[in-house]
Protein backbone atom coordinates (compact mmCIF):
# COMPACT_ATOMS: atom_id res chain seq x y z
CA MET A 1 6.95 22.01 14.12
CA ASP A 2 8.00 23.63 10.92
CA ILE A 3 7.25 22.77 7.22
CA GLN A 4 10.73 21.36 6.86
CA THR A 5 10.03 18.73 9.23
CA LEU A 6 6.66 18.04 8.24
CA THR A 7 7.88 17.73 4.57
CA SER A 8 10.67 15.13 5.43
CA PHE A 9 8.16 13.27 7.84
CA PHE A 10 5.53 12.86 4.89
CA MET A 11 8.80 12.25 2.14
CA TRP A 12 9.54 9.03 4.16
CA CYS A 13 6.14 7.93 4.95
CA THR A 14 5.34 8.15 1.27
CA VAL A 15 8.78 6.61 0.40
CA ILE A 16 8.30 3.42 2.79
CA ASN A 17 4.21 3.07 1.92
CA GLY A 18 5.36 3.23 -1.49
CA ALA A 19 7.59 0.67 -1.41
CA LEU A 20 5.41 -1.52 0.70
CA LEU A 21 2.61 -0.92 -1.80
CA MET A 22 4.89 -1.94 -4.96
CA LEU A 23 6.24 -5.00 -3.24
CA TRP A 24 2.62 -6.14 -2.22
CA THR A 25 1.85 -5.45 -5.74
CA SER A 26 4.40 -7.38 -7.14
CA ILE A 27 3.82 -10.38 -4.87
CA CYS A 28 0.45 -10.57 -6.12
CA ILE A 29 1.18 -10.25 -9.78
CA PHE A 30 4.10 -12.72 -9.81
CA THR A 31 3.32 -15.59 -7.34
CA PRO A 32 -0.69 -15.37 -6.63
CA ASP A 33 -0.59 -19.12 -6.31
CA LEU A 34 1.82 -18.99 -3.25
CA VAL A 35 0.00 -16.31 -1.64
CA TYR A 36 -3.12 -18.29 -1.83
CA ARG A 37 -1.56 -21.45 -0.46
CA THR A 38 0.03 -19.72 2.38
CA GLN A 39 -3.18 -17.98 3.45
CA SER A 40 -5.45 -20.62 2.74
CA LYS A 41 -3.95 -22.66 5.52
CA TRP A 42 -4.96 -20.07 7.93
CA PHE A 43 -8.23 -18.97 6.26
CA PRO A 44 -9.95 -21.71 4.30
CA ILE A 45 -11.77 -19.67 1.53
CA PRO A 46 -12.51 -20.33 -1.98
CA ARG A 47 -9.90 -18.72 -4.72
CA GLU A 48 -12.46 -16.44 -6.17
CA THR A 49 -13.22 -14.53 -2.76
CA PHE A 50 -9.70 -14.68 -1.97
CA ASN A 51 -8.61 -13.04 -5.12
CA VAL A 52 -11.66 -10.39 -4.25
CA VAL A 53 -10.35 -9.79 -0.95
CA ILE A 54 -6.72 -9.48 -1.53
CA TYR A 55 -7.27 -7.26 -4.75
CA SER A 56 -9.90 -5.15 -2.39
CA PHE A 57 -7.25 -4.60 0.21
CA LEU A 58 -4.63 -3.59 -2.49
CA GLY A 59 -6.88 -0.97 -3.95
CA LEU A 60 -7.87 0.29 -0.39
CA PHE A 61 -4.19 0.61 0.69
CA LYS A 62 -3.34 2.31 -2.59
CA ILE A 63 -6.28 4.74 -1.81
CA PHE A 64 -4.73 5.38 1.73
CA PHE A 65 -1.51 5.55 0.44
CA LEU A 66 -2.39 8.40 -1.98
CA VAL A 67 -4.79 10.40 0.36
CA PHE A 68 -2.54 10.29 3.61
CA ASN A 69 0.92 10.33 2.16
CA ALA A 70 1.37 11.32 -1.35
CA VAL A 71 -1.11 14.20 -1.34
CA PRO A 72 0.08 15.88 1.90
CA TYR A 73 3.67 15.59 0.71
CA VAL A 74 2.82 17.21 -2.76
CA ALA A 75 0.99 19.96 -0.74
CA LEU A 76 3.86 20.79 1.83
CA LEU A 77 6.21 20.76 -1.60
CA VAL A 78 4.09 23.48 -3.01
CA VAL A 79 3.47 25.20 0.02
CA GLY A 80 7.11 25.18 1.18
């Protein structure tokens, strides 16, 4: 596998996961009540706990996105 193939792979991983991150963030910012109502039908938890959990997962996804997608893509761009 050559550097161009890896660079292309990580570019598309970064684009797709970045779009998912922006979509999830915008949904949590603009419609938090809808997200809570939908999820509380399946998992009955208090609103404060839900806020902590959803924003913790959002932060964890952002860290994984940066570490496993964006940083390798930038490193391959520098090396290539």
